[in-house]
N, C-alpha and C. Protein backbone atom coordinates (compact mmCIF):
# COMPACT_ATOMS: atom_id res chain seq x y z
N UNK A 1 173.29 -121.59 -252.29
CA UNK A 1 173.65 -122.52 -251.31
C UNK A 1 174.47 -121.98 -250.34
N UNK A 2 174.94 -120.75 -250.39
CA UNK A 2 175.55 -120.42 -249.24
C UNK A 2 174.67 -120.12 -248.05
N UNK A 3 173.49 -119.63 -248.36
CA UNK A 3 172.50 -119.17 -247.37
C UNK A 3 171.96 -120.47 -246.68
N UNK A 4 172.04 -121.56 -247.22
CA UNK A 4 171.28 -122.77 -246.65
C UNK A 4 171.88 -123.04 -245.13
N UNK A 5 172.97 -123.01 -244.83
CA UNK A 5 173.41 -123.20 -243.46
C UNK A 5 172.79 -122.08 -242.44
N UNK A 6 172.74 -120.93 -242.88
CA UNK A 6 172.11 -119.92 -242.05
C UNK A 6 170.59 -120.27 -241.88
N UNK A 7 169.83 -120.59 -242.89
CA UNK A 7 168.52 -120.90 -242.76
C UNK A 7 168.28 -122.08 -241.87
N UNK A 8 169.26 -123.13 -241.87
CA UNK A 8 169.02 -124.36 -241.19
C UNK A 8 169.27 -123.86 -239.64
N UNK A 9 170.36 -122.99 -239.44
CA UNK A 9 170.56 -122.58 -238.04
C UNK A 9 169.31 -121.97 -237.47
N UNK A 10 168.74 -120.90 -238.21
CA UNK A 10 167.51 -120.21 -237.64
C UNK A 10 166.31 -121.29 -237.32
N UNK A 11 166.19 -122.22 -238.32
CA UNK A 11 165.27 -123.26 -238.26
C UNK A 11 165.44 -123.93 -236.83
N UNK A 12 166.61 -124.36 -236.58
CA UNK A 12 166.88 -125.15 -235.33
C UNK A 12 166.60 -124.25 -234.15
N UNK A 13 167.05 -122.95 -234.36
CA UNK A 13 166.63 -122.04 -233.11
C UNK A 13 165.19 -122.01 -232.76
N UNK A 14 164.49 -121.94 -233.90
CA UNK A 14 163.03 -121.69 -233.66
C UNK A 14 162.36 -123.04 -233.11
N UNK A 15 163.02 -124.15 -233.57
CA UNK A 15 162.61 -125.33 -232.72
C UNK A 15 162.86 -125.48 -231.20
N UNK A 16 164.15 -125.14 -230.94
CA UNK A 16 164.46 -125.16 -229.45
C UNK A 16 163.62 -124.14 -228.70
N UNK A 17 163.34 -122.92 -229.30
CA UNK A 17 162.39 -121.99 -228.70
C UNK A 17 160.98 -122.55 -228.48
N UNK A 18 160.51 -123.31 -229.44
CA UNK A 18 159.28 -123.92 -229.40
C UNK A 18 159.23 -124.92 -228.10
N UNK A 19 160.23 -125.86 -228.19
CA UNK A 19 160.50 -126.82 -227.09
C UNK A 19 160.54 -126.21 -225.78
N UNK A 20 161.31 -124.96 -225.87
CA UNK A 20 161.44 -124.33 -224.52
C UNK A 20 160.15 -123.91 -223.89
N UNK A 21 159.21 -123.32 -224.79
CA UNK A 21 157.97 -122.94 -224.37
C UNK A 21 156.96 -123.98 -223.72
N UNK A 22 157.17 -125.25 -224.46
CA UNK A 22 156.59 -126.45 -223.88
C UNK A 22 156.92 -126.76 -222.54
N UNK A 23 158.22 -126.85 -222.40
CA UNK A 23 158.71 -127.18 -221.06
C UNK A 23 158.29 -126.41 -220.04
N UNK A 24 158.37 -125.00 -220.32
CA UNK A 24 158.02 -123.94 -219.49
C UNK A 24 156.56 -123.93 -219.11
N UNK A 25 155.52 -124.25 -219.95
CA UNK A 25 154.20 -124.27 -219.72
C UNK A 25 153.91 -125.71 -218.87
N UNK A 26 154.70 -126.73 -219.12
CA UNK A 26 154.34 -128.00 -218.27
C UNK A 26 154.96 -127.71 -216.81
N UNK A 27 155.99 -126.93 -216.74
CA UNK A 27 156.46 -126.79 -215.26
C UNK A 27 155.85 -125.82 -214.61
N UNK A 28 155.08 -125.03 -215.29
CA UNK A 28 154.35 -123.86 -214.60
C UNK A 28 152.76 -124.39 -214.45
N UNK A 29 152.50 -125.54 -215.01
CA UNK A 29 151.09 -126.03 -214.85
C UNK A 29 150.09 -125.44 -215.89
N UNK A 30 150.65 -124.78 -216.76
CA UNK A 30 149.76 -124.31 -217.77
C UNK A 30 149.21 -125.20 -218.77
N UNK A 31 148.12 -125.37 -219.27
CA UNK A 31 147.75 -126.24 -220.28
C UNK A 31 147.64 -125.90 -221.61
N UNK A 32 147.75 -124.44 -221.86
CA UNK A 32 147.78 -123.89 -223.22
C UNK A 32 148.75 -122.76 -223.11
N UNK A 33 149.24 -122.50 -224.40
CA UNK A 33 150.22 -121.30 -224.44
C UNK A 33 149.41 -120.10 -224.13
N UNK A 34 148.14 -120.05 -224.42
CA UNK A 34 147.33 -118.82 -224.32
C UNK A 34 147.23 -118.50 -222.73
N UNK A 35 147.38 -119.53 -221.90
CA UNK A 35 147.27 -119.15 -220.37
C UNK A 35 148.39 -118.42 -219.85
N UNK A 36 149.33 -118.24 -220.72
CA UNK A 36 150.63 -117.42 -220.32
C UNK A 36 150.34 -115.98 -220.48
N UNK A 37 149.32 -115.40 -221.07
CA UNK A 37 149.05 -114.09 -221.19
C UNK A 37 147.83 -113.89 -220.26
N UNK A 38 147.69 -112.81 -219.64
CA UNK A 38 146.60 -112.49 -218.76
C UNK A 38 145.18 -112.36 -219.78
N UNK A 39 144.08 -112.72 -219.29
CA UNK A 39 142.91 -112.52 -220.02
C UNK A 39 142.24 -111.34 -219.46
N UNK A 40 141.46 -110.83 -220.42
CA UNK A 40 140.60 -109.50 -219.88
C UNK A 40 139.81 -109.70 -218.61
N UNK A 41 140.05 -108.76 -217.74
CA UNK A 41 139.15 -108.75 -216.71
C UNK A 41 137.66 -108.80 -217.05
N UNK A 42 136.82 -109.46 -215.99
CA UNK A 42 135.28 -109.33 -216.07
C UNK A 42 134.96 -107.93 -216.35
N UNK A 43 135.39 -107.03 -215.63
CA UNK A 43 134.88 -105.67 -215.70
C UNK A 43 135.28 -105.01 -217.07
N UNK A 44 136.33 -105.36 -217.71
CA UNK A 44 136.66 -104.82 -218.91
C UNK A 44 135.68 -105.50 -220.09
N UNK A 45 135.41 -106.68 -219.87
CA UNK A 45 134.69 -107.44 -220.94
C UNK A 45 133.20 -106.99 -220.83
N UNK A 46 132.64 -106.86 -219.56
CA UNK A 46 131.32 -106.35 -219.54
C UNK A 46 131.26 -104.82 -219.88
N UNK A 47 132.19 -103.97 -219.59
CA UNK A 47 132.22 -102.64 -220.17
C UNK A 47 132.25 -102.64 -221.58
N UNK A 48 133.00 -103.36 -222.24
CA UNK A 48 133.06 -103.39 -223.79
C UNK A 48 131.75 -103.87 -224.36
N UNK A 49 131.08 -104.95 -223.65
CA UNK A 49 129.82 -105.49 -223.98
C UNK A 49 128.71 -104.42 -223.89
N UNK A 50 128.67 -103.66 -222.86
CA UNK A 50 128.01 -102.57 -222.54
C UNK A 50 127.86 -101.57 -223.71
N UNK A 51 129.07 -101.23 -224.21
CA UNK A 51 129.15 -100.24 -225.11
C UNK A 51 128.72 -100.72 -226.37
N UNK A 52 128.86 -101.89 -226.76
CA UNK A 52 128.50 -102.49 -227.84
C UNK A 52 127.00 -102.54 -227.98
N UNK A 53 126.41 -102.84 -227.00
CA UNK A 53 124.90 -102.95 -226.84
C UNK A 53 124.31 -101.61 -226.82
N UNK A 54 124.97 -100.72 -226.29
CA UNK A 54 124.32 -99.34 -226.25
C UNK A 54 124.31 -98.61 -227.70
N UNK A 55 125.38 -98.98 -228.51
CA UNK A 55 125.46 -98.75 -229.90
C UNK A 55 124.34 -99.14 -230.87
N UNK A 56 123.64 -100.26 -230.33
CA UNK A 56 122.36 -100.74 -231.05
C UNK A 56 121.34 -99.86 -231.06
N UNK A 57 121.37 -98.81 -230.03
CA UNK A 57 120.30 -97.79 -229.93
C UNK A 57 118.91 -98.41 -229.62
N UNK A 58 118.09 -98.33 -230.47
CA UNK A 58 116.64 -98.95 -230.38
C UNK A 58 116.72 -100.25 -230.94
N UNK A 59 116.36 -101.45 -229.92
CA UNK A 59 116.37 -102.56 -230.74
C UNK A 59 115.03 -103.19 -230.82
N UNK A 60 114.64 -103.45 -232.05
CA UNK A 60 113.21 -104.01 -232.19
C UNK A 60 113.26 -105.61 -231.94
N UNK A 61 112.69 -105.92 -230.86
CA UNK A 61 112.78 -107.30 -230.49
C UNK A 61 111.37 -108.36 -230.90
N UNK A 62 110.36 -107.44 -231.28
CA UNK A 62 108.99 -108.36 -231.74
C UNK A 62 108.31 -107.32 -232.59
N UNK A 63 107.60 -108.08 -233.36
CA UNK A 63 106.55 -107.14 -234.32
C UNK A 63 105.30 -108.16 -234.43
N UNK A 64 104.17 -107.30 -234.46
CA UNK A 64 102.88 -108.05 -234.52
C UNK A 64 102.08 -107.15 -235.31
N UNK A 65 101.10 -107.90 -235.89
CA UNK A 65 99.96 -107.18 -236.81
C UNK A 65 98.63 -107.52 -236.27
N UNK A 66 97.90 -106.39 -236.16
CA UNK A 66 96.54 -106.42 -235.64
C UNK A 66 95.50 -105.69 -236.69
N UNK A 67 94.27 -106.00 -236.44
CA UNK A 67 93.15 -105.42 -237.19
C UNK A 67 92.09 -104.84 -236.45
N UNK A 68 91.92 -103.55 -236.68
CA UNK A 68 90.80 -102.90 -235.88
C UNK A 68 89.61 -102.66 -236.87
N UNK A 69 88.43 -102.65 -236.17
CA UNK A 69 87.14 -102.47 -236.86
C UNK A 69 86.40 -101.59 -236.11
N UNK A 70 86.13 -100.32 -236.81
CA UNK A 70 85.40 -99.32 -236.02
C UNK A 70 84.09 -98.79 -236.98
N UNK A 71 83.08 -98.47 -236.35
CA UNK A 71 81.97 -97.90 -236.91
C UNK A 71 81.33 -96.83 -236.37
N UNK A 72 81.19 -95.83 -237.09
CA UNK A 72 80.59 -94.49 -236.67
C UNK A 72 79.42 -94.14 -237.35
N UNK A 73 78.45 -93.47 -236.81
CA UNK A 73 77.16 -92.96 -237.51
C UNK A 73 76.97 -91.48 -237.15
N UNK A 74 76.05 -90.93 -238.05
CA UNK A 74 75.71 -89.42 -237.87
C UNK A 74 74.33 -89.41 -238.25
N UNK A 75 73.45 -88.52 -237.56
CA UNK A 75 72.10 -88.36 -237.96
C UNK A 75 71.69 -86.78 -237.96
N UNK A 76 71.16 -86.29 -239.05
CA UNK A 76 70.84 -84.92 -239.19
C UNK A 76 69.58 -84.95 -240.16
N UNK A 77 68.66 -83.90 -239.77
CA UNK A 77 67.69 -83.68 -240.62
C UNK A 77 66.80 -84.90 -240.90
N UNK A 78 66.71 -85.80 -239.99
CA UNK A 78 66.03 -87.12 -240.20
C UNK A 78 66.65 -88.04 -241.07
N UNK A 79 67.88 -87.61 -241.49
CA UNK A 79 68.72 -88.67 -242.45
C UNK A 79 69.97 -89.25 -241.47
N UNK A 80 70.33 -90.26 -241.82
CA UNK A 80 71.48 -90.95 -241.05
C UNK A 80 72.44 -91.37 -242.30
N UNK A 81 73.62 -91.51 -241.47
CA UNK A 81 74.86 -92.00 -242.33
C UNK A 81 75.58 -93.04 -241.49
N UNK A 82 76.17 -93.90 -242.02
CA UNK A 82 76.96 -94.83 -241.21
C UNK A 82 78.28 -95.33 -241.98
N UNK A 83 79.57 -95.50 -241.41
CA UNK A 83 80.62 -95.84 -242.06
C UNK A 83 81.25 -96.83 -241.29
N UNK A 84 81.93 -97.93 -241.76
CA UNK A 84 82.64 -98.86 -241.10
C UNK A 84 84.05 -98.85 -241.53
N UNK A 85 85.01 -98.91 -240.79
CA UNK A 85 86.49 -98.96 -241.26
C UNK A 85 87.03 -100.24 -240.79
N UNK A 86 87.75 -100.85 -241.67
CA UNK A 86 88.65 -101.97 -241.23
C UNK A 86 90.20 -101.50 -241.39
N UNK A 87 90.80 -101.59 -240.46
CA UNK A 87 92.33 -100.99 -240.54
C UNK A 87 93.24 -101.87 -239.98
N UNK A 88 94.12 -102.62 -240.82
CA UNK A 88 95.19 -103.56 -240.35
C UNK A 88 96.39 -102.65 -240.00
N UNK A 89 97.14 -102.86 -239.00
CA UNK A 89 98.26 -102.09 -238.63
C UNK A 89 99.36 -102.93 -238.13
N UNK A 90 100.72 -102.66 -238.23
CA UNK A 90 101.74 -103.27 -237.55
C UNK A 90 102.31 -102.42 -236.42
N UNK A 91 102.84 -103.35 -235.48
CA UNK A 91 103.46 -102.69 -234.18
C UNK A 91 104.62 -103.21 -233.84
N UNK A 92 105.61 -102.30 -233.60
CA UNK A 92 107.05 -102.83 -233.13
C UNK A 92 107.02 -102.57 -231.60
N UNK A 93 107.72 -103.66 -230.98
CA UNK A 93 108.07 -103.74 -229.71
C UNK A 93 109.59 -103.39 -229.66
N UNK A 94 109.89 -102.31 -228.88
CA UNK A 94 111.44 -102.13 -228.91
C UNK A 94 111.77 -101.70 -227.37
N UNK A 95 113.33 -101.87 -227.34
CA UNK A 95 113.91 -101.61 -226.13
C UNK A 95 115.08 -100.53 -226.47
N UNK A 96 114.99 -99.51 -225.77
CA UNK A 96 115.95 -98.43 -225.82
C UNK A 96 117.23 -98.92 -225.17
N UNK A 97 118.31 -99.43 -225.91
CA UNK A 97 119.26 -99.82 -225.26
C UNK A 97 120.32 -98.79 -224.90
N UNK A 98 120.27 -97.68 -225.70
CA UNK A 98 121.06 -96.57 -225.35
C UNK A 98 120.91 -95.94 -224.02
N UNK A 99 119.79 -96.36 -223.35
CA UNK A 99 119.46 -96.02 -221.94
C UNK A 99 120.16 -96.88 -220.87
N UNK A 100 120.83 -97.91 -221.23
CA UNK A 100 121.64 -98.56 -220.41
C UNK A 100 122.75 -97.99 -219.84
N UNK A 101 122.98 -98.21 -218.57
CA UNK A 101 124.22 -97.40 -217.77
C UNK A 101 124.84 -98.62 -216.98
N UNK A 102 126.09 -98.39 -216.50
CA UNK A 102 126.92 -99.27 -215.85
C UNK A 102 126.15 -99.77 -214.45
N UNK A 103 125.14 -98.90 -214.02
CA UNK A 103 124.43 -99.22 -212.64
C UNK A 103 123.28 -100.25 -212.94
N UNK A 104 123.18 -100.69 -214.22
CA UNK A 104 122.14 -101.58 -214.65
C UNK A 104 122.74 -102.89 -214.70
N UNK A 105 124.02 -103.01 -214.39
CA UNK A 105 124.73 -104.25 -214.34
C UNK A 105 125.26 -104.61 -212.97
N UNK A 106 124.81 -105.91 -212.64
CA UNK A 106 125.14 -106.39 -211.24
C UNK A 106 125.78 -107.70 -211.39
N UNK A 107 126.99 -107.72 -210.60
CA UNK A 107 127.81 -109.18 -210.63
C UNK A 107 127.52 -109.79 -209.19
N UNK A 108 127.23 -110.89 -209.28
CA UNK A 108 127.22 -111.80 -207.96
C UNK A 108 128.33 -112.86 -208.05
N UNK A 109 129.45 -112.51 -207.34
CA UNK A 109 130.55 -113.33 -207.57
C UNK A 109 130.42 -114.78 -206.89
N UNK A 110 129.58 -114.83 -205.80
CA UNK A 110 129.34 -116.19 -205.42
C UNK A 110 128.60 -117.07 -206.47
N UNK A 111 127.63 -116.54 -207.02
CA UNK A 111 126.91 -117.32 -207.93
C UNK A 111 127.36 -117.21 -209.31
N UNK A 112 128.48 -116.51 -209.74
CA UNK A 112 128.97 -116.18 -210.92
C UNK A 112 127.85 -115.77 -211.88
N UNK A 113 127.02 -114.59 -211.49
CA UNK A 113 125.82 -114.45 -212.28
C UNK A 113 125.91 -112.83 -212.47
N UNK A 114 125.86 -112.56 -213.84
CA UNK A 114 125.84 -111.04 -214.18
C UNK A 114 124.26 -110.78 -214.58
N UNK A 115 123.68 -109.89 -213.64
CA UNK A 115 122.33 -109.47 -213.84
C UNK A 115 122.29 -108.22 -214.65
N UNK A 116 121.35 -108.05 -215.76
CA UNK A 116 121.30 -106.79 -216.44
C UNK A 116 119.83 -106.32 -216.41
N UNK A 117 119.74 -105.05 -215.89
CA UNK A 117 118.35 -104.61 -215.80
C UNK A 117 118.04 -103.69 -217.04
N UNK A 118 117.03 -104.03 -217.73
CA UNK A 118 116.65 -103.24 -218.96
C UNK A 118 115.71 -102.26 -218.74
N UNK A 119 115.71 -101.13 -219.58
CA UNK A 119 114.72 -100.12 -219.50
C UNK A 119 113.37 -100.72 -219.84
N UNK A 120 112.23 -100.15 -219.61
CA UNK A 120 110.81 -100.67 -220.00
C UNK A 120 110.68 -100.87 -221.44
N UNK A 121 109.93 -101.80 -221.74
CA UNK A 121 109.73 -102.10 -223.06
C UNK A 121 108.83 -101.03 -223.80
N UNK A 122 109.21 -100.58 -225.00
CA UNK A 122 108.35 -99.45 -225.58
C UNK A 122 107.58 -100.24 -226.98
N UNK A 123 106.20 -99.74 -227.06
CA UNK A 123 105.54 -100.09 -228.23
C UNK A 123 105.24 -98.81 -229.11
N UNK A 124 105.71 -99.10 -230.40
CA UNK A 124 105.59 -97.99 -231.38
C UNK A 124 104.16 -97.69 -231.62
N UNK A 125 104.00 -96.55 -232.23
CA UNK A 125 102.66 -96.19 -232.85
C UNK A 125 102.33 -97.26 -233.95
N UNK A 126 101.04 -97.54 -233.93
CA UNK A 126 100.70 -98.56 -235.16
C UNK A 126 101.10 -98.02 -236.54
N UNK A 127 101.57 -98.77 -237.42
CA UNK A 127 101.97 -98.47 -238.83
C UNK A 127 100.74 -99.09 -239.67
N UNK A 128 99.94 -97.92 -240.04
CA UNK A 128 98.81 -98.62 -240.79
C UNK A 128 99.03 -99.04 -242.22
N UNK A 129 98.52 -100.15 -242.56
CA UNK A 129 98.85 -100.73 -243.86
C UNK A 129 97.76 -100.23 -244.74
N UNK A 130 97.86 -99.02 -245.37
CA UNK A 130 96.80 -98.24 -246.08
C UNK A 130 96.42 -99.00 -247.30
N UNK A 131 97.24 -99.80 -247.89
CA UNK A 131 96.77 -100.68 -249.14
C UNK A 131 95.68 -101.89 -248.62
N UNK A 132 95.55 -102.18 -247.26
CA UNK A 132 94.73 -103.13 -246.84
C UNK A 132 93.53 -102.43 -246.14
N UNK A 133 93.46 -101.30 -246.17
CA UNK A 133 92.32 -100.58 -245.34
C UNK A 133 91.05 -100.79 -246.36
N UNK A 134 89.89 -101.06 -245.60
CA UNK A 134 88.67 -101.37 -246.34
C UNK A 134 87.66 -100.37 -245.61
N UNK A 135 86.54 -99.78 -246.43
CA UNK A 135 85.57 -99.05 -245.75
C UNK A 135 84.26 -99.32 -246.50
N UNK A 136 83.38 -99.41 -245.65
CA UNK A 136 82.00 -99.67 -246.17
C UNK A 136 80.90 -98.54 -245.47
N UNK A 137 80.13 -97.93 -246.16
CA UNK A 137 79.21 -96.96 -245.81
C UNK A 137 77.77 -97.15 -246.25
N UNK A 138 76.83 -96.46 -245.57
CA UNK A 138 75.42 -96.31 -246.06
C UNK A 138 75.05 -94.79 -245.72
N UNK A 139 73.97 -94.38 -246.43
CA UNK A 139 73.55 -92.89 -246.08
C UNK A 139 74.08 -92.07 -246.98
N UNK A 140 74.29 -92.38 -248.33
CA UNK A 140 75.08 -91.38 -249.28
C UNK A 140 74.32 -89.94 -249.29
N UNK A 141 73.03 -89.72 -249.09
CA UNK A 141 72.44 -88.62 -249.19
C UNK A 141 72.91 -87.60 -248.13
N UNK A 142 72.85 -87.89 -246.92
CA UNK A 142 73.40 -87.21 -245.86
C UNK A 142 74.91 -86.65 -246.05
N UNK A 143 75.61 -87.77 -246.54
CA UNK A 143 76.91 -87.50 -246.60
C UNK A 143 77.25 -86.53 -247.81
N UNK A 144 76.47 -86.45 -248.85
CA UNK A 144 76.48 -85.62 -249.93
C UNK A 144 76.07 -84.19 -249.59
N UNK A 145 75.05 -84.04 -248.62
CA UNK A 145 74.56 -82.72 -248.19
C UNK A 145 75.40 -82.08 -247.06
N UNK A 146 76.07 -82.78 -246.48
CA UNK A 146 76.81 -82.39 -245.24
C UNK A 146 78.24 -82.89 -245.22
N UNK A 147 79.09 -82.42 -244.17
CA UNK A 147 80.34 -82.95 -244.07
C UNK A 147 80.33 -84.21 -243.14
N UNK A 148 79.24 -84.95 -243.21
CA UNK A 148 79.09 -86.03 -242.25
C UNK A 148 80.19 -87.00 -242.53
N UNK A 149 80.61 -87.30 -243.85
CA UNK A 149 81.62 -88.38 -244.19
C UNK A 149 82.88 -87.98 -243.65
N UNK A 150 83.27 -86.67 -243.69
CA UNK A 150 84.64 -86.30 -243.05
C UNK A 150 84.55 -86.60 -241.44
N UNK A 151 83.32 -86.20 -240.70
CA UNK A 151 83.19 -86.49 -239.48
C UNK A 151 83.41 -88.01 -239.13
N UNK A 152 82.72 -88.83 -239.99
CA UNK A 152 82.77 -90.36 -239.72
C UNK A 152 84.12 -90.93 -239.90
N UNK A 153 84.75 -90.33 -241.02
CA UNK A 153 86.12 -90.86 -241.33
C UNK A 153 87.06 -90.47 -240.13
N UNK A 154 86.97 -89.16 -239.57
CA UNK A 154 87.77 -88.77 -238.45
C UNK A 154 87.44 -89.62 -237.21
N UNK A 155 86.23 -89.90 -236.88
CA UNK A 155 86.09 -90.75 -235.78
C UNK A 155 86.46 -92.22 -235.82
N UNK A 156 86.23 -92.74 -237.06
CA UNK A 156 86.76 -94.07 -237.24
C UNK A 156 88.09 -94.22 -237.20
N UNK A 157 89.01 -93.31 -237.99
CA UNK A 157 90.42 -93.33 -237.78
C UNK A 157 90.94 -93.35 -236.36
N UNK A 158 90.51 -92.21 -235.68
CA UNK A 158 90.85 -92.16 -234.03
C UNK A 158 90.62 -93.38 -233.35
N UNK A 159 89.24 -93.90 -233.55
CA UNK A 159 89.07 -95.21 -232.83
C UNK A 159 89.89 -96.39 -233.19
N UNK A 160 89.94 -96.58 -234.51
CA UNK A 160 90.89 -97.64 -235.05
C UNK A 160 92.20 -97.54 -234.58
N UNK A 161 92.84 -96.42 -234.45
CA UNK A 161 94.34 -96.37 -234.02
C UNK A 161 94.51 -96.71 -232.50
N UNK A 162 93.41 -96.17 -231.83
CA UNK A 162 93.35 -96.51 -230.47
C UNK A 162 93.08 -97.91 -230.10
N UNK A 163 92.11 -98.60 -230.93
CA UNK A 163 92.15 -99.88 -230.72
C UNK A 163 93.25 -100.85 -231.12
N UNK A 164 94.19 -100.47 -232.20
CA UNK A 164 95.24 -101.16 -232.49
C UNK A 164 96.32 -100.99 -231.35
N UNK A 165 96.43 -99.76 -230.73
CA UNK A 165 97.46 -99.60 -229.63
C UNK A 165 97.02 -100.58 -228.37
N UNK A 166 95.70 -100.53 -228.28
CA UNK A 166 95.10 -101.38 -227.02
C UNK A 166 95.44 -102.92 -227.33
N UNK A 167 95.12 -103.40 -228.66
CA UNK A 167 95.46 -104.80 -228.92
C UNK A 167 96.93 -104.97 -228.60
N UNK A 168 97.84 -104.09 -228.96
CA UNK A 168 99.18 -104.32 -228.89
C UNK A 168 99.73 -104.67 -227.51
N UNK A 169 98.84 -104.14 -226.52
CA UNK A 169 99.25 -104.37 -225.21
C UNK A 169 98.55 -105.68 -224.59
N UNK A 170 98.26 -106.62 -225.49
CA UNK A 170 97.73 -107.88 -224.91
C UNK A 170 98.86 -108.70 -224.14
N UNK A 171 98.26 -109.48 -223.25
CA UNK A 171 99.45 -110.29 -222.31
C UNK A 171 100.44 -111.11 -223.15
N UNK A 172 99.80 -111.83 -224.14
CA UNK A 172 100.54 -112.54 -224.94
C UNK A 172 101.76 -111.98 -225.63
N UNK A 173 101.38 -111.03 -226.35
CA UNK A 173 102.27 -110.23 -227.20
C UNK A 173 103.39 -109.53 -226.36
N UNK A 174 102.85 -109.00 -225.06
CA UNK A 174 103.95 -108.35 -224.26
C UNK A 174 105.03 -109.45 -223.80
N UNK A 175 104.32 -110.73 -223.49
CA UNK A 175 105.35 -111.74 -222.76
C UNK A 175 106.41 -111.98 -223.95
N UNK A 176 105.83 -112.30 -225.04
CA UNK A 176 106.76 -112.64 -226.25
C UNK A 176 107.76 -111.67 -226.49
N UNK A 177 107.30 -110.43 -226.35
CA UNK A 177 108.36 -109.28 -226.56
C UNK A 177 109.28 -109.24 -225.47
N UNK A 178 108.99 -109.43 -224.21
CA UNK A 178 109.76 -109.42 -223.14
C UNK A 178 110.68 -110.53 -223.21
N UNK A 179 110.24 -111.63 -223.55
CA UNK A 179 111.16 -112.83 -223.59
C UNK A 179 112.25 -112.59 -224.90
N UNK A 180 111.79 -112.29 -225.95
CA UNK A 180 112.61 -112.06 -227.07
C UNK A 180 113.85 -110.93 -226.51
N UNK A 181 113.44 -109.69 -225.96
CA UNK A 181 114.45 -108.92 -225.57
C UNK A 181 115.32 -109.42 -224.59
N UNK A 182 114.87 -110.24 -223.57
CA UNK A 182 115.82 -110.82 -222.82
C UNK A 182 116.87 -111.86 -223.41
N UNK A 183 116.38 -112.55 -224.28
CA UNK A 183 117.26 -113.43 -224.97
C UNK A 183 118.13 -112.75 -225.68
N UNK A 184 117.95 -111.57 -226.45
CA UNK A 184 118.80 -110.97 -227.41
C UNK A 184 119.94 -110.43 -226.51
N UNK A 185 119.56 -109.65 -225.37
CA UNK A 185 120.62 -109.04 -224.52
C UNK A 185 121.43 -110.05 -223.83
N UNK A 186 120.73 -111.12 -223.32
CA UNK A 186 121.61 -112.18 -222.75
C UNK A 186 122.77 -112.83 -223.61
N UNK A 187 122.49 -112.83 -224.91
CA UNK A 187 123.46 -113.37 -225.93
C UNK A 187 124.55 -112.33 -225.96
N UNK A 188 124.18 -111.08 -226.04
CA UNK A 188 125.10 -109.90 -226.18
C UNK A 188 126.17 -109.88 -225.01
N UNK A 189 125.64 -110.33 -223.92
CA UNK A 189 126.57 -110.25 -222.76
C UNK A 189 127.34 -111.55 -222.59
N UNK A 190 126.74 -112.54 -222.84
CA UNK A 190 127.14 -114.01 -222.51
C UNK A 190 128.34 -114.39 -223.54
N UNK A 191 127.95 -114.12 -224.87
CA UNK A 191 129.07 -114.50 -225.92
C UNK A 191 130.40 -114.11 -225.74
N UNK A 192 130.70 -112.76 -225.48
CA UNK A 192 131.91 -112.41 -225.12
C UNK A 192 132.68 -112.89 -223.92
N UNK A 193 131.82 -113.26 -222.96
CA UNK A 193 132.31 -113.94 -221.67
C UNK A 193 132.87 -115.35 -222.05
N UNK A 194 132.04 -115.93 -222.85
CA UNK A 194 132.31 -117.19 -223.21
C UNK A 194 133.56 -117.38 -224.30
N UNK A 195 133.72 -116.31 -224.94
CA UNK A 195 134.80 -116.36 -226.01
C UNK A 195 136.09 -116.17 -225.22
N UNK A 196 136.24 -115.79 -223.98
CA UNK A 196 137.56 -115.73 -223.31
C UNK A 196 137.41 -116.63 -222.18
N UNK A 197 136.55 -117.57 -222.17
CA UNK A 197 136.84 -118.63 -221.14
C UNK A 197 136.26 -118.30 -219.68
N UNK A 198 135.39 -117.05 -219.75
CA UNK A 198 134.87 -116.85 -218.41
C UNK A 198 133.60 -117.48 -218.07
N UNK A 199 133.44 -118.23 -217.04
CA UNK A 199 132.30 -119.02 -216.73
C UNK A 199 131.30 -118.12 -215.86
N UNK A 200 130.26 -117.68 -216.48
CA UNK A 200 129.29 -116.92 -216.07
C UNK A 200 127.98 -117.07 -216.45
N UNK A 201 126.95 -117.05 -215.78
CA UNK A 201 125.49 -117.02 -216.18
C UNK A 201 125.12 -115.54 -216.43
N UNK A 202 124.20 -115.39 -217.27
CA UNK A 202 123.68 -113.98 -217.54
C UNK A 202 122.23 -114.03 -217.41
N UNK A 203 121.68 -113.22 -216.63
CA UNK A 203 120.25 -113.01 -216.21
C UNK A 203 119.72 -111.67 -216.74
N UNK A 204 118.63 -111.47 -217.38
CA UNK A 204 118.24 -110.37 -217.90
C UNK A 204 116.86 -110.08 -217.60
N UNK A 205 116.62 -108.97 -216.95
CA UNK A 205 115.24 -108.58 -216.47
C UNK A 205 114.93 -107.20 -216.81
N UNK A 206 113.67 -106.66 -216.57
CA UNK A 206 113.31 -105.43 -216.80
C UNK A 206 113.38 -104.65 -215.40
N UNK A 207 113.58 -103.47 -215.60
CA UNK A 207 113.63 -102.64 -214.44
C UNK A 207 112.16 -102.63 -213.76
N UNK A 208 112.26 -102.53 -212.40
CA UNK A 208 110.91 -102.52 -211.68
C UNK A 208 110.30 -101.08 -211.67
């Protein structure tokens, strides 16, 4: 019971301090207590965001699956052999975020616009789905007597990989990958700005 008066005194002091802070914020025109403390500068926020983005290293922004069909033939000693290869493969579209530097960030104070220049989009080597590969052949006699089958397999694999890579560069997939990359990086920079109350637009584009 002896400690009760002391606790009550400290409680009253806390209330007075709280009321004092309210009066101070009203007189200084501040709407929130947090306004009494300086916010991080735009430079420090973007620098931290850049560091976080760079730590992502290679960002996969899009994936697509393609199917290549290749046919090769050989003729020897009046005999012929023919093989057709159907090869599905997955391709990743990536951005090397580790290549971003402070020079890739541009701030337009008049427009409150942060522009981020990304390094070029990169397309991975096709990852062949071996379980889904199909082969069809004819001319078993020639393949049994010579190395024609190995030659046909090699030619078909080379042509199929090249075809998968070519398909991966089609306009629609490139457009979708570019848009996905821009959206991901835009969020990475805009969310930290919004979290501290900085009004700014973020525009992401690829380097020329």
